[in-house]
Amino acid sequence: RQLVSDMDLVYMAGYYRIGDYSAVSGSLRYFSLGEVQ
């Protein structure tokens, strides 16, 4: 934000434990470089 006003990183993550010894997980990452002319 010291350079531009519209560059952002959005990150969503989650998990679910299966029983007591394992887990499944996932994430989605979106990085916007803003508007460029």
All heavy atoms as atom14 arrays in JSON, in Angstrom:
{
  "sequence": "RQLVSDMDLVYMAGYYRIGDYSAVSGSLRYFSLGEVQ",
  "atom14_mask": [
    [1, 1, 1, 1, 1, 1, 1, 1, 1, 1, 1, 0, 0, 0],
    [1, 1, 1, 1, 1, 1, 1, 1, 1, 0, 0, 0, 0, 0],
    [1, 1, 1, 1, 1, 1, 1, 1, 0, 0, 0, 0, 0, 0],
    [1, 1, 1, 1, 1, 1, 1, 0, 0, 0, 0, 0, 0, 0],
    [1, 1, 1, 1, 1, 1, 0, 0, 0, 0, 0, 0, 0, 0],
    [1, 1, 1, 1, 1, 1, 1, 1, 0, 0, 0, 0, 0, 0],
    [1, 1, 1, 1, 1, 1, 1, 1, 0, 0, 0, 0, 0, 0],
    [1, 1, 1, 1, 1, 1, 1, 1, 0, 0, 0, 0, 0, 0],
    [1, 1, 1, 1, 1, 1, 1, 1, 0, 0, 0, 0, 0, 0],
    [1, 1, 1, 1, 1, 1, 1, 0, 0, 0, 0, 0, 0, 0],
    [1, 1, 1, 1, 1, 1, 1, 1, 1, 1, 1, 1, 0, 0],
    [1, 1, 1, 1, 1, 1, 1, 1, 0, 0, 0, 0, 0, 0],
    [1, 1, 1, 1, 1, 0, 0, 0, 0, 0, 0, 0, 0, 0],
    [1, 1, 1, 1, 0, 0, 0, 0, 0, 0, 0, 0, 0, 0],
    [1, 1, 1, 1, 1, 1, 1, 1, 1, 1, 1, 1, 0, 0],
    [1, 1, 1, 1, 1, 1, 1, 1, 1, 1, 1, 1, 0, 0],
    [1, 1, 1, 1, 1, 1, 1, 1, 1, 1, 1, 0, 0, 0],
    [1, 1, 1, 1, 1, 1, 1, 1, 0, 0, 0, 0, 0, 0],
    [1, 1, 1, 1, 0, 0, 0, 0, 0, 0, 0, 0, 0, 0],
    [1, 1, 1, 1, 1, 1, 1, 1, 0, 0, 0, 0, 0, 0],
    [1, 1, 1, 1, 1, 1, 1, 1, 1, 1, 1, 1, 0, 0],
    [1, 1, 1, 1, 1, 1, 0, 0, 0, 0, 0, 0, 0, 0],
    [1, 1, 1, 1, 1, 0, 0, 0, 0, 0, 0, 0, 0, 0],
    [1, 1, 1, 1, 1, 1, 1, 0, 0, 0, 0, 0, 0, 0],
    [1, 1, 1, 1, 1, 1, 0, 0, 0, 0, 0, 0, 0, 0],
    [1, 1, 1, 1, 0, 0, 0, 0, 0, 0, 0, 0, 0, 0],
    [1, 1, 1, 1, 1, 1, 0, 0, 0, 0, 0, 0, 0, 0],
    [1, 1, 1, 1, 1, 1, 1, 1, 0, 0, 0, 0, 0, 0],
    [1, 1, 1, 1, 1, 1, 1, 1, 1, 1, 1, 0, 0, 0],
    [1, 1, 1, 1, 1, 1, 1, 1, 1, 1, 1, 1, 0, 0],
    [1, 1, 1, 1, 1, 1, 1, 1, 1, 1, 1, 0, 0, 0],
    [1, 1, 1, 1, 1, 1, 0, 0, 0, 0, 0, 0, 0, 0],
    [1, 1, 1, 1, 1, 1, 1, 1, 0, 0, 0, 0, 0, 0],
    [1, 1, 1, 1, 0, 0, 0, 0, 0, 0, 0, 0, 0, 0],
    [1, 1, 1, 1, 1, 1, 1, 1, 1, 0, 0, 0, 0, 0],
    [1, 1, 1, 1, 1, 1, 1, 0, 0, 0, 0, 0, 0, 0],
    [1, 1, 1, 1, 1, 1, 1, 1, 1, 0, 0, 0, 0, 0]
  ],
  "atom14_positions": [
    [[0.81, -1.21, 0.0], [0.0, 0.0, 0.0], [0.85, 1.27, 0.0], [0.32, 2.36, -0.17], [-0.95, -0.01, 1.19], [-2.12, -0.98, 0.98], [-2.86, -0.61, -0.3], [-3.7, -1.66, -0.83], [-4.97, -1.83, -0.49], [-5.52, -1.04, 0.4], [-5.68, -2.79, -1.03], [0.0, 0.0, 0.0], [0.0, 0.0, 0.0], [0.0, 0.0, 0.0]],
    [[2.16, 1.14, 0.21], [3.04, 2.28, 0.06], [3.2, 2.68, -1.4], [3.6, 3.81, -1.71], [4.41, 1.97, 0.66], [4.39, 1.68, 2.16], [4.4, 2.94, 2.98], [3.71, 3.9, 2.69], [5.2, 2.96, 4.02], [0.0, 0.0, 0.0], [0.0, 0.0, 0.0], [0.0, 0.0, 0.0], [0.0, 0.0, 0.0], [0.0, 0.0, 0.0]],
    [[2.9, 1.74, -2.31], [3.09, 1.98, -3.74], [1.78, 2.1, -4.5], [1.63, 2.97, -5.36], [3.93, 0.86, -4.36], [5.32, 0.62, -3.76], [5.98, -0.57, -4.45], [6.19, 1.86, -3.89], [0.0, 0.0, 0.0], [0.0, 0.0, 0.0], [0.0, 0.0, 0.0], [0.0, 0.0, 0.0], [0.0, 0.0, 0.0], [0.0, 0.0, 0.0]],
    [[0.84, 1.19, -4.22], [-0.43, 1.16, -4.94], [-1.57, 1.01, -3.93], [-1.35, 0.68, -2.77], [-0.48, 0.0, -5.97], [0.51, 0.22, -7.08], [-0.23, -1.33, -5.27], [0.0, 0.0, 0.0], [0.0, 0.0, 0.0], [0.0, 0.0, 0.0], [0.0, 0.0, 0.0], [0.0, 0.0, 0.0], [0.0, 0.0, 0.0], [0.0, 0.0, 0.0]],
    [[-2.79, 1.23, -4.41], [-3.94, 1.2, -3.51], [-4.9, 0.05, -3.79], [-5.92, -0.07, -3.1], [-4.71, 2.53, -3.59], [-5.19, 2.74, -4.92], [0.0, 0.0, 0.0], [0.0, 0.0, 0.0], [0.0, 0.0, 0.0], [0.0, 0.0, 0.0], [0.0, 0.0, 0.0], [0.0, 0.0, 0.0], [0.0, 0.0, 0.0], [0.0, 0.0, 0.0]],
    [[-4.61, -0.78, -4.78], [-5.58, -1.8, -5.16], [-4.97, -3.19, -5.33], [-5.48, -4.01, -6.07], [-6.31, -1.39, -6.44], [-5.36, -1.12, -7.59], [-4.13, -1.16, -7.39], [-5.84, -0.87, -8.72], [0.0, 0.0, 0.0], [0.0, 0.0, 0.0], [0.0, 0.0, 0.0], [0.0, 0.0, 0.0], [0.0, 0.0, 0.0], [0.0, 0.0, 0.0]],
    [[-3.86, -3.46, -4.65], [-3.24, -4.78, -4.7], [-3.57, -5.52, -3.41], [-3.34, -5.01, -2.3], [-1.72, -4.65, -4.89], [-1.03, -5.95, -5.24], [0.76, -5.75, -5.51], [0.76, -4.72, -6.98], [0.0, 0.0, 0.0], [0.0, 0.0, 0.0], [0.0, 0.0, 0.0], [0.0, 0.0, 0.0], [0.0, 0.0, 0.0], [0.0, 0.0, 0.0]],
    [[-4.12, -6.74, -3.52], [-4.62, -7.45, -2.35], [-4.32, -8.94, -2.43], [-4.22, -9.51, -3.53], [-6.14, -7.28, -2.2], [-6.58, -5.83, -2.26], [-6.47, -5.14, -1.25], [-7.02, -5.42, -3.35], [0.0, 0.0, 0.0], [0.0, 0.0, 0.0], [0.0, 0.0, 0.0], [0.0, 0.0, 0.0], [0.0, 0.0, 0.0], [0.0, 0.0, 0.0]],
    [[-4.22, -9.56, -1.25], [-4.11, -11.02, -1.15], [-5.25, -11.52, -0.28], [-5.43, -11.07, 0.86], [-2.77, -11.42, -0.53], [-2.61, -12.91, -0.19], [-2.64, -13.76, -1.46], [-1.33, -13.16, 0.59], [0.0, 0.0, 0.0], [0.0, 0.0, 0.0], [0.0, 0.0, 0.0], [0.0, 0.0, 0.0], [0.0, 0.0, 0.0], [0.0, 0.0, 0.0]],
    [[-6.03, -12.45, -0.82], [-7.11, -13.09, -0.07], [-6.78, -14.58, 0.02], [-6.43, -15.22, -0.98], [-8.47, -12.89, -0.76], [-9.57, -13.6, 0.01], [-8.79, -11.41, -0.89], [0.0, 0.0, 0.0], [0.0, 0.0, 0.0], [0.0, 0.0, 0.0], [0.0, 0.0, 0.0], [0.0, 0.0, 0.0], [0.0, 0.0, 0.0], [0.0, 0.0, 0.0]],
    [[-6.89, -15.11, 1.23], [-6.52, -16.51, 1.47], [-7.58, -17.15, 2.37], [-7.9, -16.63, 3.44], [-5.15, -16.57, 2.13], [-4.61, -17.96, 2.39], [-4.08, -18.73, 1.36], [-4.62, -18.51, 3.66], [-3.58, -20.0, 1.59], [-4.12, -19.78, 3.91], [-3.6, -20.52, 2.88], [-3.09, -21.78, 3.11], [0.0, 0.0, 0.0], [0.0, 0.0, 0.0]],
    [[-8.1, -18.28, 1.93], [-9.08, -19.03, 2.72], [-8.54, -20.44, 2.95], [-8.09, -21.1, 2.0], [-10.43, -19.08, 2.01], [-11.5, -19.8, 2.8], [-13.16, -19.69, 2.05], [-12.9, -20.65, 0.56], [0.0, 0.0, 0.0], [0.0, 0.0, 0.0], [0.0, 0.0, 0.0], [0.0, 0.0, 0.0], [0.0, 0.0, 0.0], [0.0, 0.0, 0.0]],
    [[-8.6, -20.9, 4.19], [-8.08, -22.22, 4.53], [-9.06, -22.92, 5.46], [-9.83, -22.27, 6.19], [-6.71, -22.12, 5.17], [0.0, 0.0, 0.0], [0.0, 0.0, 0.0], [0.0, 0.0, 0.0], [0.0, 0.0, 0.0], [0.0, 0.0, 0.0], [0.0, 0.0, 0.0], [0.0, 0.0, 0.0], [0.0, 0.0, 0.0], [0.0, 0.0, 0.0]],
    [[-9.03, -24.24, 5.44], [-9.89, -25.01, 6.32], [-9.4, -26.43, 6.47], [-8.57, -26.91, 5.68], [0.0, 0.0, 0.0], [0.0, 0.0, 0.0], [0.0, 0.0, 0.0], [0.0, 0.0, 0.0], [0.0, 0.0, 0.0], [0.0, 0.0, 0.0], [0.0, 0.0, 0.0], [0.0, 0.0, 0.0], [0.0, 0.0, 0.0], [0.0, 0.0, 0.0]],
    [[-9.89, -27.11, 7.49], [-9.5, -28.51, 7.73], [-10.63, -29.25, 8.43], [-11.54, -28.65, 9.0], [-8.23, -28.58, 8.59], [-8.47, -28.29, 10.06], [-8.7, -29.32, 10.98], [-8.51, -26.99, 10.53], [-8.95, -29.06, 12.31], [-8.75, -26.71, 11.86], [-8.97, -27.75, 12.75], [-9.23, -27.48, 14.08], [0.0, 0.0, 0.0], [0.0, 0.0, 0.0]],
    [[-10.54, -30.57, 8.38], [-11.48, -31.43, 9.09], [-10.73, -32.67, 9.56], [-10.11, -33.37, 8.75], [-12.65, -31.84, 8.2], [-13.63, -32.77, 8.88], [-14.59, -32.27, 9.75], [-13.59, -34.14, 8.65], [-15.49, -33.12, 10.39], [-14.48, -35.0, 9.28], [-15.42, -34.48, 10.16], [-16.3, -35.33, 10.79], [0.0, 0.0, 0.0], [0.0, 0.0, 0.0]],
    [[-10.75, -32.91, 10.87], [-10.07, -34.09, 11.42], [-10.94, -35.33, 11.24], [-12.12, -35.34, 11.6], [-9.74, -33.88, 12.89], [-8.55, -32.98, 13.12], [-7.93, -33.15, 14.51], [-8.85, -32.84, 15.57], [-9.31, -33.7, 16.46], [-8.96, -34.98, 16.37], [-10.14, -33.33, 17.42], [0.0, 0.0, 0.0], [0.0, 0.0, 0.0], [0.0, 0.0, 0.0]],
    [[-10.33, -36.38, 10.71], [-11.0, -37.66, 10.52], [-10.59, -38.57, 11.67], [-9.44, -39.02, 11.74], [-10.63, -38.29, 9.17], [-10.93, -37.32, 8.03], [-11.38, -39.6, 8.96], [-10.42, -37.8, 6.69], [0.0, 0.0, 0.0], [0.0, 0.0, 0.0], [0.0, 0.0, 0.0], [0.0, 0.0, 0.0], [0.0, 0.0, 0.0], [0.0, 0.0, 0.0]],
    [[-11.49, -38.85, 12.57], [-11.12, -39.63, 13.74], [-10.16, -38.85, 14.62], [-10.21, -37.62, 14.72], [0.0, 0.0, 0.0], [0.0, 0.0, 0.0], [0.0, 0.0, 0.0], [0.0, 0.0, 0.0], [0.0, 0.0, 0.0], [0.0, 0.0, 0.0], [0.0, 0.0, 0.0], [0.0, 0.0, 0.0], [0.0, 0.0, 0.0], [0.0, 0.0, 0.0]],
    [[-9.23, -39.56, 15.24], [-8.28, -38.94, 16.16], [-6.88, -38.83, 15.58], [-6.0, -38.23, 16.21], [-8.21, -39.74, 17.47], [-9.53, -39.72, 18.23], [-10.23, -38.7, 18.14], [-9.86, -40.73, 18.9], [0.0, 0.0, 0.0], [0.0, 0.0, 0.0], [0.0, 0.0, 0.0], [0.0, 0.0, 0.0], [0.0, 0.0, 0.0], [0.0, 0.0, 0.0]],
    [[-6.64, -39.39, 14.39], [-5.26, -39.49, 13.92], [-5.0, -38.91, 12.53], [-3.86, -38.94, 12.07], [-4.82, -40.97, 13.94], [-4.96, -41.61, 15.29], [-6.0, -42.5, 15.56], [-4.06, -41.32, 16.32], [-6.13, -43.1, 16.81], [-4.18, -41.91, 17.57], [-5.22, -42.79, 17.8], [-5.35, -43.37, 19.05], [0.0, 0.0, 0.0], [0.0, 0.0, 0.0]],
    [[-5.98, -38.4, 11.86], [-5.75, -37.87, 10.51], [-6.65, -36.68, 10.25], [-7.6, -36.41, 10.99], [-5.97, -38.95, 9.45], [-7.32, -39.4, 9.47], [0.0, 0.0, 0.0], [0.0, 0.0, 0.0], [0.0, 0.0, 0.0], [0.0, 0.0, 0.0], [0.0, 0.0, 0.0], [0.0, 0.0, 0.0], [0.0, 0.0, 0.0], [0.0, 0.0, 0.0]],
    [[-6.33, -35.96, 9.18], [-7.11, -34.78, 8.82], [-6.98, -34.51, 7.33], [-5.97, -34.84, 6.7], [-6.63, -33.56, 9.61], [0.0, 0.0, 0.0], [0.0, 0.0, 0.0], [0.0, 0.0, 0.0], [0.0, 0.0, 0.0], [0.0, 0.0, 0.0], [0.0, 0.0, 0.0], [0.0, 0.0, 0.0], [0.0, 0.0, 0.0], [0.0, 0.0, 0.0]],
    [[-8.03, -33.93, 6.76], [-7.98, -33.42, 5.39], [-8.04, -31.89, 5.48], [-8.64, -31.33, 6.4], [-9.13, -33.97, 4.53], [-8.95, -35.44, 4.28], [-10.48, -33.69, 5.18], [0.0, 0.0, 0.0], [0.0, 0.0, 0.0], [0.0, 0.0, 0.0], [0.0, 0.0, 0.0], [0.0, 0.0, 0.0], [0.0, 0.0, 0.0], [0.0, 0.0, 0.0]],
    [[-7.44, -31.23, 4.52], [-7.35, -29.77, 4.57], [-7.3, -29.21, 3.16], [-7.08, -29.94, 2.18], [-6.11, -29.34, 5.35], [-4.93, -29.92, 4.8], [0.0, 0.0, 0.0], [0.0, 0.0, 0.0], [0.0, 0.0, 0.0], [0.0, 0.0, 0.0], [0.0, 0.0, 0.0], [0.0, 0.0, 0.0], [0.0, 0.0, 0.0], [0.0, 0.0, 0.0]],
    [[-7.48, -27.92, 3.05], [-7.43, -27.27, 1.76], [-7.33, -25.76, 1.91], [-7.58, -25.21, 2.98], [0.0, 0.0, 0.0], [0.0, 0.0, 0.0], [0.0, 0.0, 0.0], [0.0, 0.0, 0.0], [0.0, 0.0, 0.0], [0.0, 0.0, 0.0], [0.0, 0.0, 0.0], [0.0, 0.0, 0.0], [0.0, 0.0, 0.0], [0.0, 0.0, 0.0]],
    [[-6.94, -25.1, 0.82], [-6.86, -23.64, 0.85], [-7.03, -23.09, -0.57], [-6.75, -23.77, -1.56], [-5.54, -23.16, 1.45], [-4.46, -23.41, 0.58], [0.0, 0.0, 0.0], [0.0, 0.0, 0.0], [0.0, 0.0, 0.0], [0.0, 0.0, 0.0], [0.0, 0.0, 0.0], [0.0, 0.0, 0.0], [0.0, 0.0, 0.0], [0.0, 0.0, 0.0]],
    [[-7.48, -21.85, -0.62], [-7.62, -21.1, -1.87], [-6.94, -19.76, -1.69], [-7.22, -19.03, -0.73], [-9.1, -20.9, -2.21], [-9.41, -19.99, -3.41], [-8.89, -20.61, -4.71], [-10.91, -19.72, -3.5], [0.0, 0.0, 0.0], [0.0, 0.0, 0.0], [0.0, 0.0, 0.0], [0.0, 0.0, 0.0], [0.0, 0.0, 0.0], [0.0, 0.0, 0.0]],
    [[-6.02, -19.43, -2.61], [-5.28, -18.18, -2.55], [-5.56, -17.38, -3.82], [-5.47, -17.9, -4.94], [-3.78, -18.47, -2.45], [-2.89, -17.24, -2.55], [-1.43, -17.67, -2.61], [-0.99, -18.22, -1.35], [-0.19, -17.58, -0.48], [0.23, -16.36, -0.76], [0.19, -18.15, 0.63], [0.0, 0.0, 0.0], [0.0, 0.0, 0.0], [0.0, 0.0, 0.0]],
    [[-5.89, -16.09, -3.63], [-6.15, -15.21, -4.78], [-5.38, -13.91, -4.55], [-5.59, -13.21, -3.55], [-7.64, -14.92, -4.93], [-7.98, -14.08, -6.14], [-8.18, -14.67, -7.38], [-8.07, -12.69, -6.05], [-8.49, -13.91, -8.5], [-8.37, -11.92, -7.17], [-8.57, -12.54, -8.39], [-8.86, -11.78, -9.5], [0.0, 0.0, 0.0], [0.0, 0.0, 0.0]],
    [[-4.49, -13.6, -5.48], [-3.65, -12.41, -5.39], [-3.96, -11.49, -6.57], [-3.72, -11.85, -7.72], [-2.17, -12.8, -5.39], [-1.23, -11.63, -5.28], [-1.15, -10.91, -4.1], [-0.43, -11.26, -6.35], [-0.27, -9.84, -3.99], [0.43, -10.19, -6.26], [0.52, -9.47, -5.06], [0.0, 0.0, 0.0], [0.0, 0.0, 0.0], [0.0, 0.0, 0.0]],
    [[-4.51, -10.32, -6.27], [-4.88, -9.36, -7.31], [-3.82, -8.28, -7.4], [-3.42, -7.7, -6.39], [-6.24, -8.74, -7.0], [-6.52, -7.66, -7.89], [0.0, 0.0, 0.0], [0.0, 0.0, 0.0], [0.0, 0.0, 0.0], [0.0, 0.0, 0.0], [0.0, 0.0, 0.0], [0.0, 0.0, 0.0], [0.0, 0.0, 0.0], [0.0, 0.0, 0.0]],
    [[-3.37, -7.99, -8.63], [-2.41, -6.92, -8.85], [-3.09, -5.6, -9.17], [-2.44, -4.64, -9.59], [-1.45, -7.29, -9.98], [-0.29, -8.22, -9.61], [-0.79, -9.67, -9.49], [0.84, -8.15, -10.61], [0.0, 0.0, 0.0], [0.0, 0.0, 0.0], [0.0, 0.0, 0.0], [0.0, 0.0, 0.0], [0.0, 0.0, 0.0], [0.0, 0.0, 0.0]],
    [[-4.4, -5.54, -8.97], [-5.13, -4.3, -9.21], [-5.36, -4.03, -10.68], [-5.2, -4.9, -11.54], [0.0, 0.0, 0.0], [0.0, 0.0, 0.0], [0.0, 0.0, 0.0], [0.0, 0.0, 0.0], [0.0, 0.0, 0.0], [0.0, 0.0, 0.0], [0.0, 0.0, 0.0], [0.0, 0.0, 0.0], [0.0, 0.0, 0.0], [0.0, 0.0, 0.0]],
    [[-5.73, -2.8, -11.0], [-5.96, -2.39, -12.38], [-4.7, -1.82, -12.99], [-4.0, -1.03, -12.36], [-7.08, -1.36, -12.44], [-8.44, -1.89, -12.05], [-9.54, -0.88, -12.26], [-9.21, 0.29, -12.57], [-10.73, -1.24, -12.14], [0.0, 0.0, 0.0], [0.0, 0.0, 0.0], [0.0, 0.0, 0.0], [0.0, 0.0, 0.0], [0.0, 0.0, 0.0]],
    [[-4.41, -2.25, -14.22], [-3.22, -1.8, -14.94], [-3.64, -1.25, -16.29], [-4.38, -1.9, -17.03], [-2.21, -2.95, -15.13], [-0.99, -2.46, -15.9], [-1.8, -3.53, -13.78], [0.0, 0.0, 0.0], [0.0, 0.0, 0.0], [0.0, 0.0, 0.0], [0.0, 0.0, 0.0], [0.0, 0.0, 0.0], [0.0, 0.0, 0.0], [0.0, 0.0, 0.0]],
    [[-3.19, -0.04, -16.61], [-3.5, 0.57, -17.9], [-2.46, 0.16, -18.93], [-1.26, 0.23, -18.68], [-3.51, 2.1, -17.77], [-4.49, 2.63, -16.74], [-5.93, 2.43, -17.14], [-6.25, 2.43, -18.33], [-6.8, 2.26, -16.15], [0.0, 0.0, 0.0], [0.0, 0.0, 0.0], [0.0, 0.0, 0.0], [0.0, 0.0, 0.0], [0.0, 0.0, 0.0]]
  ]
}
